[in-house]
Amino acid sequence: MKLSYNSIFFKIYCFFFARKVGEDKYGNKYYTKKNSSPKNNYRQRRFVIYKGIVEASKVPQEWNAWLHHVTDIPSIETKKLSWFKDHSPNLTGSPFAYEYKDKKKPKQIKNIYTVWSPDE
């Protein structure tokens, strides 16, 4: 996969101005800025560099909570509950998108509306 200029410069920026915090099972890397500023009320700036296609749904729940300052850094030994599902990509706008097809035929509606013409 070719990197765009923006991602190359962002990786260089991370090398100098950010600290790597962790990585998830999908290969996404999580960073925090080394210094804080009044722009963010002196909170840490947290961000992610996605592996592969940039898709927000690829961030696991525990890392999403960390990105939004809800929890601390997730531990590697997080317990996966039986009802957790693995990531599946967002297929909206692709040929594989889910389509709801109503099998019932629509009722025949009497034509009670007519097209307006300016001569009337």
PDB file of N, CA and C in Angstrom:
ATOM      1  N   MET A   1       0.834  -1.175   0.000  1.00  0.00           N
ATOM      2  CA  MET A   1       0.000   0.000   0.000  1.00  0.00           C
ATOM      3  C   MET A   1       0.880   1.239   0.000  1.00  0.00           C
ATOM      4  N   LYS A   2       0.607   2.154  -0.907  1.00  0.00           N
ATOM      5  CA  LYS A   2       1.366   3.398  -0.963  1.00  0.00           C
ATOM      6  C   LYS A   2       0.857   4.358   0.101  1.00  0.00           C
ATOM      7  N   LEU A   3       1.787   5.046   0.718  1.00  0.00           N
ATOM      8  CA  LEU A   3       1.425   6.041   1.705  1.00  0.00           C
ATOM      9  C   LEU A   3       1.278   7.391   1.024  1.00  0.00           C
ATOM     10  N   SER A   4       0.289   8.142   1.418  1.00  0.00           N
ATOM     11  CA  SER A   4       0.157   9.493   0.897  1.00  0.00           C
ATOM     12  C   SER A   4       1.150  10.396   1.616  1.00  0.00           C
ATOM     13  N   TYR A   5       1.352  11.588   1.082  1.00  0.00           N
ATOM     14  CA  TYR A   5       2.272  12.523   1.724  1.00  0.00           C
ATOM     15  C   TYR A   5       1.813  12.871   3.128  1.00  0.00           C
ATOM     16  N   ASN A   6       0.498  12.987   3.329  1.00  0.00           N
ATOM     17  CA  ASN A   6      -0.004  13.330   4.668  1.00  0.00           C
ATOM     18  C   ASN A   6       0.368  12.270   5.685  1.00  0.00           C
ATOM     19  N   SER A   7       0.240  10.989   5.341  1.00  0.00           N
ATOM     20  CA  SER A   7       0.571   9.962   6.321  1.00  0.00           C
ATOM     21  C   SER A   7       2.069   9.880   6.573  1.00  0.00           C
ATOM     22  N   ILE A   8       2.871  10.168   5.573  1.00  0.00           N
ATOM     23  CA  ILE A   8       4.318  10.155   5.788  1.00  0.00           C
ATOM     24  C   ILE A   8       4.700  11.280   6.752  1.00  0.00           C
ATOM     25  N   PHE A   9       4.181  12.486   6.513  1.00  0.00           N
ATOM     26  CA  PHE A   9       4.505  13.603   7.397  1.00  0.00           C
ATOM     27  C   PHE A   9       3.924  13.390   8.796  1.00  0.00           C
ATOM     28  N   PHE A  10       2.767  12.746   8.899  1.00  0.00           N
ATOM     29  CA  PHE A  10       2.173  12.475  10.207  1.00  0.00           C
ATOM     30  C   PHE A  10       3.039  11.492  10.989  1.00  0.00           C
ATOM     31  N   LYS A  11       3.595  10.505  10.312  1.00  0.00           N
ATOM     32  CA  LYS A  11       4.479   9.552  10.997  1.00  0.00           C
ATOM     33  C   LYS A  11       5.760  10.234  11.453  1.00  0.00           C
ATOM     34  N   ILE A  12       6.280  11.154  10.646  1.00  0.00           N
ATOM     35  CA  ILE A  12       7.460  11.914  11.059  1.00  0.00           C
ATOM     36  C   ILE A  12       7.120  12.790  12.266  1.00  0.00           C
ATOM     37  N   TYR A  13       5.948  13.426  12.235  1.00  0.00           N
ATOM     38  CA  TYR A  13       5.489  14.238  13.356  1.00  0.00           C
ATOM     39  C   TYR A  13       5.400  13.390  14.631  1.00  0.00           C
ATOM     40  N   CYS A  14       4.854  12.189  14.515  1.00  0.00           N
ATOM     41  CA  CYS A  14       4.726  11.305  15.683  1.00  0.00           C
ATOM     42  C   CYS A  14       6.096  10.924  16.238  1.00  0.00           C
ATOM     43  N   PHE A  15       7.063  10.751  15.344  1.00  0.00           N
ATOM     44  CA  PHE A  15       8.399  10.369  15.783  1.00  0.00           C
ATOM     45  C   PHE A  15       9.008  11.447  16.677  1.00  0.00           C
ATOM     46  N   PHE A  16       8.800  12.715  16.329  1.00  0.00           N
ATOM     47  CA  PHE A  16       9.420  13.801  17.086  1.00  0.00           C
ATOM     48  C   PHE A  16       8.574  14.323  18.240  1.00  0.00           C
ATOM     49  N   PHE A  17       7.250  14.395  18.062  1.00  0.00           N
ATOM     50  CA  PHE A  17       6.416  15.109  19.023  1.00  0.00           C
ATOM     51  C   PHE A  17       5.429  14.234  19.795  1.00  0.00           C
ATOM     52  N   ALA A  18       5.412  12.942  19.551  1.00  0.00           N
ATOM     53  CA  ALA A  18       4.438  12.080  20.228  1.00  0.00           C
ATOM     54  C   ALA A  18       5.137  10.882  20.858  1.00  0.00           C
ATOM     55  N   ARG A  19       4.409  10.245  21.766  1.00  0.00           N
ATOM     56  CA  ARG A  19       4.916   9.056  22.450  1.00  0.00           C
ATOM     57  C   ARG A  19       3.969   7.908  22.161  1.00  0.00           C
ATOM     58  N   LYS A  20       4.513   6.779  21.715  1.00  0.00           N
ATOM     59  CA  LYS A  20       3.683   5.616  21.425  1.00  0.00           C
ATOM     60  C   LYS A  20       3.211   5.003  22.731  1.00  0.00           C
ATOM     61  N   VAL A  21       1.904   4.746  22.803  1.00  0.00           N
ATOM     62  CA  VAL A  21       1.302   4.220  24.020  1.00  0.00           C
ATOM     63  C   VAL A  21       1.032   2.732  23.888  1.00  0.00           C
ATOM     64  N   GLY A  22       0.592   2.308  22.722  1.00  0.00           N
ATOM     65  CA  GLY A  22       0.278   0.898  22.550  1.00  0.00           C
ATOM     66  C   GLY A  22      -0.169   0.570  21.147  1.00  0.00           C
ATOM     67  N   GLU A  23      -0.527  -0.687  20.991  1.00  0.00           N
ATOM     68  CA  GLU A  23      -0.964  -1.206  19.702  1.00  0.00           C
ATOM     69  C   GLU A  23      -2.060  -2.233  19.965  1.00  0.00           C
ATOM     70  N   ASP A  24      -3.044  -2.297  19.082  1.00  0.00           N
ATOM     71  CA  ASP A  24      -4.117  -3.269  19.266  1.00  0.00           C
ATOM     72  C   ASP A  24      -3.902  -4.483  18.361  1.00  0.00           C
ATOM     73  N   LYS A  25      -4.831  -5.429  18.434  1.00  0.00           N
ATOM     74  CA  LYS A  25      -4.672  -6.683  17.690  1.00  0.00           C
ATOM     75  C   LYS A  25      -4.819  -6.500  16.184  1.00  0.00           C
ATOM     76  N   TYR A  26      -5.358  -5.348  15.735  1.00  0.00           N
ATOM     77  CA  TYR A  26      -5.503  -5.081  14.307  1.00  0.00           C
ATOM     78  C   TYR A  26      -4.292  -4.371  13.732  1.00  0.00           C
ATOM     79  N   GLY A  27      -3.323  -4.005  14.570  1.00  0.00           N
ATOM     80  CA  GLY A  27      -2.115  -3.338  14.106  1.00  0.00           C
ATOM     81  C   GLY A  27      -2.192  -1.820  14.178  1.00  0.00           C
ATOM     82  N   ASN A  28      -3.284  -1.259  14.680  1.00  0.00           N
ATOM     83  CA  ASN A  28      -3.398   0.187  14.847  1.00  0.00           C
ATOM     84  C   ASN A  28      -2.483   0.621  15.982  1.00  0.00           C
ATOM     85  N   LYS A  29      -1.808   1.769  15.810  1.00  0.00           N
ATOM     86  CA  LYS A  29      -0.889   2.271  16.830  1.00  0.00           C
ATOM     87  C   LYS A  29      -1.479   3.516  17.469  1.00  0.00           C
ATOM     88  N   TYR A  30      -1.359   3.608  18.791  1.00  0.00           N
ATOM     89  CA  TYR A  30      -1.961   4.691  19.550  1.00  0.00           C
ATOM     90  C   TYR A  30      -0.869   5.563  20.153  1.00  0.00           C
ATOM     91  N   TYR A  31      -1.062   6.876  20.024  1.00  0.00           N
ATOM     92  CA  TYR A  31      -0.067   7.847  20.458  1.00  0.00           C
ATOM     93  C   TYR A  31      -0.703   8.900  21.346  1.00  0.00           C
ATOM     94  N   THR A  32       0.162   9.536  22.132  1.00  0.00           N
ATOM     95  CA  THR A  32      -0.225  10.708  22.891  1.00  0.00           C
ATOM     96  C   THR A  32       0.840  11.772  22.670  1.00  0.00           C
ATOM     97  N   LYS A  33       0.431  13.023  22.635  1.00  0.00           N
ATOM     98  CA  LYS A  33       1.365  14.110  22.411  1.00  0.00           C
ATOM     99  C   LYS A  33       2.247  14.278  23.640  1.00  0.00           C
ATOM    100  N   LYS A  34       3.522  14.628  23.425  1.00  0.00           N
ATOM    101  CA  LYS A  34       4.472  14.729  24.533  1.00  0.00           C
ATOM    102  C   LYS A  34       4.180  15.901  25.465  1.00  0.00           C
ATOM    103  N   ASN A  35       3.652  16.996  24.938  1.00  0.00           N
ATOM    104  CA  ASN A  35       3.348  18.137  25.804  1.00  0.00           C
ATOM    105  C   ASN A  35       1.865  18.478  25.696  1.00  0.00           C
ATOM    106  N   SER A  36       1.371  19.220  26.667  1.00  0.00           N
ATOM    107  CA  SER A  36      -0.037  19.615  26.657  1.00  0.00           C
ATOM    108  C   SER A  36      -0.129  21.122  26.436  1.00  0.00           C
ATOM    109  N   SER A  37      -1.273  21.565  25.951  1.00  0.00           N
ATOM    110  CA  SER A  37      -1.455  22.983  25.671  1.00  0.00           C
ATOM    111  C   SER A  37      -2.839  23.426  26.138  1.00  0.00           C
ATOM    112  N   PRO A  38      -3.056  24.729  26.244  1.00  0.00           N
ATOM    113  CA  PRO A  38      -4.381  25.203  26.665  1.00  0.00           C
ATOM    114  C   PRO A  38      -5.466  24.943  25.621  1.00  0.00           C
ATOM    115  N   LYS A  39      -5.085  24.604  24.389  1.00  0.00           N
ATOM    116  CA  LYS A  39      -6.082  24.303  23.358  1.00  0.00           C
ATOM    117  C   LYS A  39      -6.999  23.164  23.778  1.00  0.00           C
ATOM    118  N   ASN A  40      -6.441  22.199  24.473  1.00  0.00           N
ATOM    119  CA  ASN A  40      -7.190  21.015  24.871  1.00  0.00           C
ATOM    120  C   ASN A  40      -7.413  20.990  26.385  1.00  0.00           C
ATOM    121  N   ASN A  41      -7.454  22.171  27.018  1.00  0.00           N
ATOM    122  CA  ASN A  41      -7.612  22.286  28.472  1.00  0.00           C
ATOM    123  C   ASN A  41      -6.548  21.498  29.228  1.00  0.00           C
ATOM    124  N   TYR A  42      -5.359  21.488  28.696  1.00  0.00           N
ATOM    125  CA  TYR A  42      -4.197  20.816  29.286  1.00  0.00           C
ATOM    126  C   TYR A  42      -4.390  19.309  29.435  1.00  0.00           C
ATOM    127  N   ARG A  43      -5.303  18.742  28.652  1.00  0.00           N
ATOM    128  CA  ARG A  43      -5.426  17.283  28.620  1.00  0.00           C
ATOM    129  C   ARG A  43      -4.514  16.736  27.536  1.00  0.00           C
ATOM    130  N   GLN A  44      -4.200  15.452  27.623  1.00  0.00           N
ATOM    131  CA  GLN A  44      -3.368  14.817  26.608  1.00  0.00           C
ATOM    132  C   GLN A  44      -4.097  14.783  25.276  1.00  0.00           C
ATOM    133  N   ARG A  45      -3.356  15.028  24.208  1.00  0.00           N
ATOM    134  CA  ARG A  45      -3.898  14.813  22.876  1.00  0.00           C
ATOM    135  C   ARG A  45      -3.641  13.360  22.536  1.00  0.00           C
ATOM    136  N   ARG A  46      -4.676  12.631  22.181  1.00  0.00           N
ATOM    137  CA  ARG A  46      -4.562  11.209  21.875  1.00  0.00           C
ATOM    138  C   ARG A  46      -5.021  10.962  20.451  1.00  0.00           C
ATOM    139  N   PHE A  47      -4.304  10.123  19.734  1.00  0.00           N
ATOM    140  CA  PHE A  47      -4.679   9.837  18.361  1.00  0.00           C
ATOM    141  C   PHE A  47      -4.202   8.457  17.959  1.00  0.00           C
ATOM    142  N   VAL A  48      -4.670   8.014  16.793  1.00  0.00           N
ATOM    143  CA  VAL A  48      -4.397   6.667  16.316  1.00  0.00           C
ATOM    144  C   VAL A  48      -3.884   6.742  14.886  1.00  0.00           C
ATOM    145  N   ILE A  49      -2.947   5.857  14.558  1.00  0.00           N
ATOM    146  CA  ILE A  49      -2.524   5.665  13.171  1.00  0.00           C
ATOM    147  C   ILE A  49      -3.022   4.283  12.779  1.00  0.00           C
ATOM    148  N   TYR A  50      -3.929   4.260  11.813  1.00  0.00           N
ATOM    149  CA  TYR A  50      -4.549   3.009  11.391  1.00  0.00           C
ATOM    150  C   TYR A  50      -3.608   2.197  10.519  1.00  0.00           C
ATOM    151  N   LYS A  51      -3.713   0.902  10.633  1.00  0.00           N
ATOM    152  CA  LYS A  51      -2.983   0.015   9.731  1.00  0.00           C
ATOM    153  C   LYS A  51      -3.922  -0.295   8.576  1.00  0.00           C
ATOM    154  N   GLY A  52      -3.484  -0.007   7.368  1.00  0.00           N
ATOM    155  CA  GLY A  52      -4.334  -0.265   6.209  1.00  0.00           C
ATOM    156  C   GLY A  52      -5.313   0.862   5.990  1.00  0.00           C
ATOM    157  N   ILE A  53      -6.514   0.510   5.624  1.00  0.00           N
ATOM    158  CA  ILE A  53      -7.541   1.494   5.303  1.00  0.00           C
ATOM    159  C   ILE A  53      -7.985   2.217   6.570  1.00  0.00           C
ATOM    160  N   VAL A  54      -8.098   3.525   6.475  1.00  0.00           N
ATOM    161  CA  VAL A  54      -8.536   4.328   7.619  1.00  0.00           C
ATOM    162  C   VAL A  54     -10.031   4.134   7.795  1.00  0.00           C
ATOM    163  N   GLU A  55     -10.401   3.488   8.879  1.00  0.00           N
ATOM    164  CA  GLU A  55     -11.808   3.235   9.174  1.00  0.00           C
ATOM    165  C   GLU A  55     -11.991   3.277  10.687  1.00  0.00           C
ATOM    166  N   ALA A  56     -12.811   4.183  11.154  1.00  0.00           N
ATOM    167  CA  ALA A  56     -12.972   4.384  12.594  1.00  0.00           C
ATOM    168  C   ALA A  56     -13.546   3.163  13.295  1.00  0.00           C
ATOM    169  N   SER A  57     -14.282   2.322  12.579  1.00  0.00           N
ATOM    170  CA  SER A  57     -14.868   1.152  13.226  1.00  0.00           C
ATOM    171  C   SER A  57     -13.814   0.074  13.524  1.00  0.00           C
ATOM    172  N   LYS A  58     -12.566   0.273  13.071  1.00  0.00           N
ATOM    173  CA  LYS A  58     -11.505  -0.691  13.362  1.00  0.00           C
ATOM    174  C   LYS A  58     -10.904  -0.508  14.748  1.00  0.00           C
ATOM    175  N   VAL A  59     -11.320   0.523  15.471  1.00  0.00           N
ATOM    176  CA  VAL A  59     -10.799   0.761  16.819  1.00  0.00           C
ATOM    177  C   VAL A  59     -11.604  -0.074  17.805  1.00  0.00           C
ATOM    178  N   PRO A  60     -10.941  -0.970  18.564  1.00  0.00           N
ATOM    179  CA  PRO A  60     -11.672  -1.777  19.553  1.00  0.00           C
ATOM    180  C   PRO A  60     -12.269  -0.916  20.670  1.00  0.00           C
ATOM    181  N   GLN A  61     -13.228  -1.479  21.388  1.00  0.00           N
ATOM    182  CA  GLN A  61     -13.963  -0.732  22.412  1.00  0.00           C
ATOM    183  C   GLN A  61     -13.048  -0.147  23.479  1.00  0.00           C
ATOM    184  N   GLU A  62     -12.091  -0.943  23.960  1.00  0.00           N
ATOM    185  CA  GLU A  62     -11.244  -0.477  25.052  1.00  0.00           C
ATOM    186  C   GLU A  62     -10.343   0.678  24.614  1.00  0.00           C
ATOM    187  N   TRP A  63      -9.866   0.646  23.367  1.00  0.00           N
ATOM    188  CA  TRP A  63      -9.037   1.743  22.869  1.00  0.00           C
ATOM    189  C   TRP A  63      -9.882   2.963  22.531  1.00  0.00           C
ATOM    190  N   ASN A  64     -11.101   2.769  22.107  1.00  0.00           N
ATOM    191  CA  ASN A  64     -11.996   3.893  21.846  1.00  0.00           C
ATOM    192  C   ASN A  64     -12.273   4.652  23.145  1.00  0.00           C
ATOM    193  N   ALA A  65     -12.459   3.921  24.232  1.00  0.00           N
ATOM    194  CA  ALA A  65     -12.672   4.562  25.535  1.00  0.00           C
ATOM    195  C   ALA A  65     -11.422   5.340  25.948  1.00  0.00           C
ATOM    196  N   TRP A  66     -10.241   4.805  25.664  1.00  0.00           N
ATOM    197  CA  TRP A  66      -8.997   5.515  25.992  1.00  0.00           C
ATOM    198  C   TRP A  66      -8.872   6.785  25.156  1.00  0.00           C
ATOM    199  N   LEU A  67      -9.180   6.710  23.863  1.00  0.00           N
ATOM    200  CA  LEU A  67      -9.086   7.881  22.982  1.00  0.00           C
ATOM    201  C   LEU A  67      -9.990   9.021  23.455  1.00  0.00           C
ATOM    202  N   HIS A  68     -11.127   8.686  24.057  1.00  0.00           N
ATOM    203  CA  HIS A  68     -12.081   9.688  24.504  1.00  0.00           C
ATOM    204  C   HIS A  68     -11.931  10.041  25.989  1.00  0.00           C
ATOM    205  N   HIS A  69     -10.783   9.701  26.583  1.00  0.00           N
ATOM    206  CA  HIS A  69     -10.449  10.045  27.971  1.00  0.00           C
ATOM    207  C   HIS A  69     -11.433   9.454  28.981  1.00  0.00           C
ATOM    208  N   VAL A  70     -11.959   8.276  28.700  1.00  0.00           N
ATOM    209  CA  VAL A  70     -12.887   7.624  29.624  1.00  0.00           C
ATOM    210  C   VAL A  70     -12.134   6.675  30.559  1.00  0.00           C
ATOM    211  N   THR A  71     -11.133   5.960  30.028  1.00  0.00           N
ATOM    212  CA  THR A  71     -10.372   5.001  30.825  1.00  0.00           C
ATOM    213  C   THR A  71      -8.878   5.254  30.657  1.00  0.00           C
ATOM    214  N   ASP A  72      -8.096   4.531  31.457  1.00  0.00           N
ATOM    215  CA  ASP A  72      -6.650   4.558  31.303  1.00  0.00           C
ATOM    216  C   ASP A  72      -6.249   3.613  30.178  1.00  0.00           C
ATOM    217  N   ILE A  73      -4.963   3.512  29.944  1.00  0.00           N
ATOM    218  CA  ILE A  73      -4.459   2.655  28.864  1.00  0.00           C
ATOM    219  C   ILE A  73      -4.936   1.225  29.102  1.00  0.00           C
ATOM    220  N   PRO A  74      -5.563   0.608  28.088  1.00  0.00           N
ATOM    221  CA  PRO A  74      -6.047  -0.761  28.272  1.00  0.00           C
ATOM    222  C   PRO A  74      -4.882  -1.740  28.438  1.00  0.00           C
ATOM    223  N   SER A  75      -5.078  -2.705  29.298  1.00  0.00           N
ATOM    224  CA  SER A  75      -4.033  -3.702  29.496  1.00  0.00           C
ATOM    225  C   SER A  75      -4.069  -4.720  28.362  1.00  0.00           C
ATOM    226  N   ILE A  76      -2.965  -5.365  28.159  1.00  0.00           N
ATOM    227  CA  ILE A  76      -2.869  -6.370  27.094  1.00  0.00           C
ATOM    228  C   ILE A  76      -3.730  -7.580  27.431  1.00  0.00           C
ATOM    229  N   GLU A  77      -3.887  -7.849  28.694  1.00  0.00           N
ATOM    230  CA  GLU A  77      -4.622  -9.017  29.153  1.00  0.00           C
ATOM    231  C   GLU A  77      -6.106  -8.723  29.379  1.00  0.00           C
ATOM    232  N   THR A  78      -6.736  -7.954  28.506  1.00  0.00           N
ATOM    233  CA  THR A  78      -8.157  -7.671  28.684  1.00  0.00           C
ATOM    234  C   THR A  78      -8.967  -8.932  28.421  1.00  0.00           C
ATOM    235  N   LYS A  79      -9.944  -9.153  29.264  1.00  0.00           N
ATOM    236  CA  LYS A  79     -10.778 -10.341  29.145  1.00  0.00           C
ATOM    237  C   LYS A  79     -11.798 -10.115  28.046  1.00  0.00           C
ATOM    238  N   LYS A  80     -11.836 -11.019  27.082  1.00  0.00           N
ATOM    239  CA  LYS A  80     -12.797 -10.908  25.994  1.00  0.00           C
ATOM    240  C   LYS A  80     -14.032 -11.713  26.373  1.00  0.00           C
ATOM    241  N   LEU A  81     -15.141 -11.012  26.477  1.00  0.00           N
ATOM    242  CA  LEU A  81     -16.387 -11.672  26.830  1.00  0.00           C
ATOM    243  C   LEU A  81     -16.926 -12.455  25.636  1.00  0.00           C
ATOM    244  N   SER A  82     -17.774 -13.413  25.920  1.00  0.00           N
ATOM    245  CA  SER A  82     -18.260 -14.304  24.862  1.00  0.00           C
ATOM    246  C   SER A  82     -19.112 -13.586  23.832  1.00  0.00           C
ATOM    247  N   TRP A  83     -19.733 -12.482  24.217  1.00  0.00           N
ATOM    248  CA  TRP A  83     -20.625 -11.798  23.299  1.00  0.00           C
ATOM    249  C   TRP A  83     -19.916 -10.740  22.456  1.00  0.00           C
ATOM    250  N   PHE A  84     -18.606 -10.498  22.683  1.00  0.00           N
ATOM    251  CA  PHE A  84     -17.845  -9.567  21.844  1.00  0.00           C
ATOM    252  C   PHE A  84     -17.673 -10.177  20.457  1.00  0.00           C
ATOM    253  N   LYS A  85     -17.818  -9.366  19.435  1.00  0.00           N
ATOM    254  CA  LYS A  85     -17.617  -9.832  18.069  1.00  0.00           C
ATOM    255  C   LYS A  85     -16.342  -9.220  17.508  1.00  0.00           C
ATOM    256  N   ASP A  86     -15.706  -9.943  16.598  1.00  0.00           N
ATOM    257  CA  ASP A  86     -14.535  -9.401  15.927  1.00  0.00           C
ATOM    258  C   ASP A  86     -14.969  -8.331  14.936  1.00  0.00           C
ATOM    259  N   HIS A  87     -14.017  -7.550  14.511  1.00  0.00           N
ATOM    260  CA  HIS A  87     -14.305  -6.440  13.601  1.00  0.00           C
ATOM    261  C   HIS A  87     -14.786  -6.942  12.246  1.00  0.00           C
ATOM    262  N   SER A  88     -15.816  -6.303  11.749  1.00  0.00           N
ATOM    263  CA  SER A  88     -16.228  -6.526  10.361  1.00  0.00           C
ATOM    264  C   SER A  88     -16.314  -5.138   9.728  1.00  0.00           C
ATOM    265  N   PRO A  89     -15.795  -4.979   8.526  1.00  0.00           N
ATOM    266  CA  PRO A  89     -15.727  -3.640   7.934  1.00  0.00           C
ATOM    267  C   PRO A  89     -17.098  -3.063   7.640  1.00  0.00           C
ATOM    268  N   ASN A  90     -17.158  -1.743   7.576  1.00  0.00           N
ATOM    269  CA  ASN A  90     -18.381  -1.042   7.234  1.00  0.00           C
ATOM    270  C   ASN A  90     -18.588  -1.154   5.727  1.00  0.00           C
ATOM    271  N   LEU A  91     -19.647  -1.794   5.306  1.00  0.00           N
ATOM    272  CA  LEU A  91     -19.867  -2.066   3.892  1.00  0.00           C
ATOM    273  C   LEU A  91     -20.806  -1.066   3.225  1.00  0.00           C
ATOM    274  N   THR A  92     -21.148   0.006   3.915  1.00  0.00           N
ATOM    275  CA  THR A  92     -22.039   0.995   3.340  1.00  0.00           C
ATOM    276  C   THR A  92     -21.422   1.591   2.086  1.00  0.00           C
ATOM    277  N   GLY A  93     -22.194   1.663   1.020  1.00  0.00           N
ATOM    278  CA  GLY A  93     -21.716   2.236  -0.237  1.00  0.00           C
ATOM    279  C   GLY A  93     -20.939   1.262  -1.088  1.00  0.00           C
ATOM    280  N   SER A  94     -20.781   0.034  -0.651  1.00  0.00           N
ATOM    281  CA  SER A  94     -20.073  -0.960  -1.445  1.00  0.00           C
ATOM    282  C   SER A  94     -21.087  -1.916  -2.064  1.00  0.00           C
ATOM    283  N   PRO A  95     -20.658  -2.723  -3.023  1.00  0.00           N
ATOM    284  CA  PRO A  95     -21.587  -3.683  -3.622  1.00  0.00           C
ATOM    285  C   PRO A  95     -22.097  -4.729  -2.622  1.00  0.00           C
ATOM    286  N   PHE A  96     -21.419  -4.867  -1.487  1.00  0.00           N
ATOM    287  CA  PHE A  96     -21.807  -5.868  -0.498  1.00  0.00           C
ATOM    288  C   PHE A  96     -22.681  -5.284   0.611  1.00  0.00           C
ATOM    289  N   ALA A  97     -23.141  -4.059   0.455  1.00  0.00           N
ATOM    290  CA  ALA A  97     -23.960  -3.406   1.475  1.00  0.00           C
ATOM    291  C   ALA A  97     -25.275  -4.157   1.654  1.00  0.00           C
ATOM    292  N   TYR A  98     -25.773  -4.127   2.878  1.00  0.00           N
ATOM    293  CA  TYR A  98     -27.014  -4.804   3.196  1.00  0.00           C
ATOM    294  C   TYR A  98     -28.177  -4.061   2.554  1.00  0.00           C
ATOM    295  N   GLU A  99     -29.050  -4.794   1.898  1.00  0.00           N
ATOM    296  CA  GLU A  99     -30.239  -4.196   1.303  1.00  0.00           C
ATOM    297  C   GLU A  99     -31.459  -4.901   1.873  1.00  0.00           C
ATOM    298  N   TYR A 100     -32.398  -4.104   2.320  1.00  0.00           N
ATOM    299  CA  TYR A 100     -33.639  -4.656   2.821  1.00  0.00           C
ATOM    300  C   TYR A 100     -34.607  -4.733   1.662  1.00  0.00           C
ATOM    301  N   LYS A 101     -35.037  -5.932   1.370  1.00  0.00           N
ATOM    302  CA  LYS A 101     -35.999  -6.115   0.283  1.00  0.00           C
ATOM    303  C   LYS A 101     -37.282  -6.651   0.876  1.00  0.00           C
ATOM    304  N   ASP A 102     -38.314  -5.845   0.784  1.00  0.00           N
ATOM    305  CA  ASP A 102     -39.616  -6.255   1.292  1.00  0.00           C
ATOM    306  C   ASP A 102     -40.238  -7.215   0.297  1.00  0.00           C
ATOM    307  N   LYS A 103     -40.555  -8.405   0.748  1.00  0.00           N
ATOM    308  CA  LYS A 103     -41.091  -9.421  -0.159  1.00  0.00           C
ATOM    309  C   LYS A 103     -42.554  -9.200  -0.480  1.00  0.00           C
ATOM    310  N   LYS A 104     -43.212  -8.380   0.343  1.00  0.00           N
ATOM    311  CA  LYS A 104     -44.615  -8.092   0.067  1.00  0.00           C
ATOM    312  C   LYS A 104     -44.703  -7.072  -1.058  1.00  0.00           C
ATOM    313  N   LYS A 105     -45.647  -7.265  -1.937  1.00  0.00           N
ATOM    314  CA  LYS A 105     -45.842  -6.298  -3.006  1.00  0.00           C
ATOM    315  C   LYS A 105     -46.661  -5.138  -2.454  1.00  0.00           C
ATOM    316  N   PRO A 106     -46.330  -3.921  -2.873  1.00  0.00           N
ATOM    317  CA  PRO A 106     -47.092  -2.776  -2.359  1.00  0.00           C
ATOM    318  C   PRO A 106     -48.532  -2.822  -2.848  1.00  0.00           C
ATOM    319  N   LYS A 107     -49.413  -2.302  -1.997  1.00  0.00           N
ATOM    320  CA  LYS A 107     -50.832  -2.282  -2.354  1.00  0.00           C
ATOM    321  C   LYS A 107     -51.036  -1.335  -3.528  1.00  0.00           C
ATOM    322  N   GLN A 108     -51.997  -1.647  -4.320  1.00  0.00           N
ATOM    323  CA  GLN A 108     -52.327  -0.793  -5.450  1.00  0.00           C
ATOM    324  C   GLN A 108     -53.026   0.442  -4.908  1.00  0.00           C
ATOM    325  N   ILE A 109     -52.460   1.599  -5.131  1.00  0.00           N
ATOM    326  CA  ILE A 109     -53.046   2.842  -4.646  1.00  0.00           C
ATOM    327  C   ILE A 109     -53.774   3.504  -5.809  1.00  0.00           C
ATOM    328  N   LYS A 110     -54.986   3.905  -5.531  1.00  0.00           N
ATOM    329  CA  LYS A 110     -55.750   4.598  -6.564  1.00  0.00           C
ATOM    330  C   LYS A 110     -55.102   5.948  -6.824  1.00  0.00           C
ATOM    331  N   ASN A 111     -55.122   6.334  -8.049  1.00  0.00           N
ATOM    332  CA  ASN A 111     -54.506   7.588  -8.430  1.00  0.00           C
ATOM    333  C   ASN A 111     -55.420   8.749  -8.042  1.00  0.00           C
ATOM    334  N   ILE A 112     -55.254   9.230  -6.812  1.00  0.00           N
ATOM    335  CA  ILE A 112     -56.096  10.334  -6.360  1.00  0.00           C
ATOM    336  C   ILE A 112     -55.393  11.671  -6.565  1.00  0.00           C
ATOM    337  N   TYR A 113     -54.109  11.616  -6.866  1.00  0.00           N
ATOM    338  CA  TYR A 113     -53.365  12.832  -7.116  1.00  0.00           C
ATOM    339  C   TYR A 113     -53.158  13.004  -8.613  1.00  0.00           C
ATOM    340  N   THR A 114     -53.181  14.210  -9.059  1.00  0.00           N
ATOM    341  CA  THR A 114     -52.905  14.503 -10.470  1.00  0.00           C
ATOM    342  C   THR A 114     -51.785  15.520 -10.557  1.00  0.00           C
ATOM    343  N   VAL A 115     -51.175  15.553 -11.689  1.00  0.00           N
ATOM    344  CA  VAL A 115     -50.078  16.480 -11.902  1.00  0.00           C
ATOM    345  C   VAL A 115     -50.674  17.859 -12.187  1.00  0.00           C
ATOM    346  N   TRP A 116     -50.144  18.872 -11.548  1.00  0.00           N
ATOM    347  CA  TRP A 116     -50.630  20.217 -11.729  1.00  0.00           C
ATOM    348  C   TRP A 116     -50.087  20.790 -13.025  1.00  0.00           C
ATOM    349  N   SER A 117     -50.906  21.456 -13.747  1.00  0.00           N
ATOM    350  CA  SER A 117     -50.450  22.153 -14.945  1.00  0.00           C
ATOM    351  C   SER A 117     -50.863  23.612 -14.817  1.00  0.00           C
ATOM    352  N   PRO A 118     -50.087  24.532 -15.343  1.00  0.00           N
ATOM    353  CA  PRO A 118     -50.389  25.950 -15.140  1.00  0.00           C
ATOM    354  C   PRO A 118     -51.649  26.429 -15.855  1.00  0.00           C
ATOM    355  N   ASP A 119     -52.169  25.631 -16.779  1.00  0.00           N
ATOM    356  CA  ASP A 119     -53.379  26.037 -17.499  1.00  0.00           C
ATOM    357  C   ASP A 119     -54.629  25.878 -16.668  1.00  0.00           C
ATOM    358  N   GLU A 120     -54.569  25.123 -15.602  1.00  0.00           N
ATOM    359  CA  GLU A 120     -55.779  24.852 -14.812  1.00  0.00           C
ATOM    360  C   GLU A 120     -56.132  25.988 -13.910  1.00  0.00           C
TER     361      GLU A 120
END
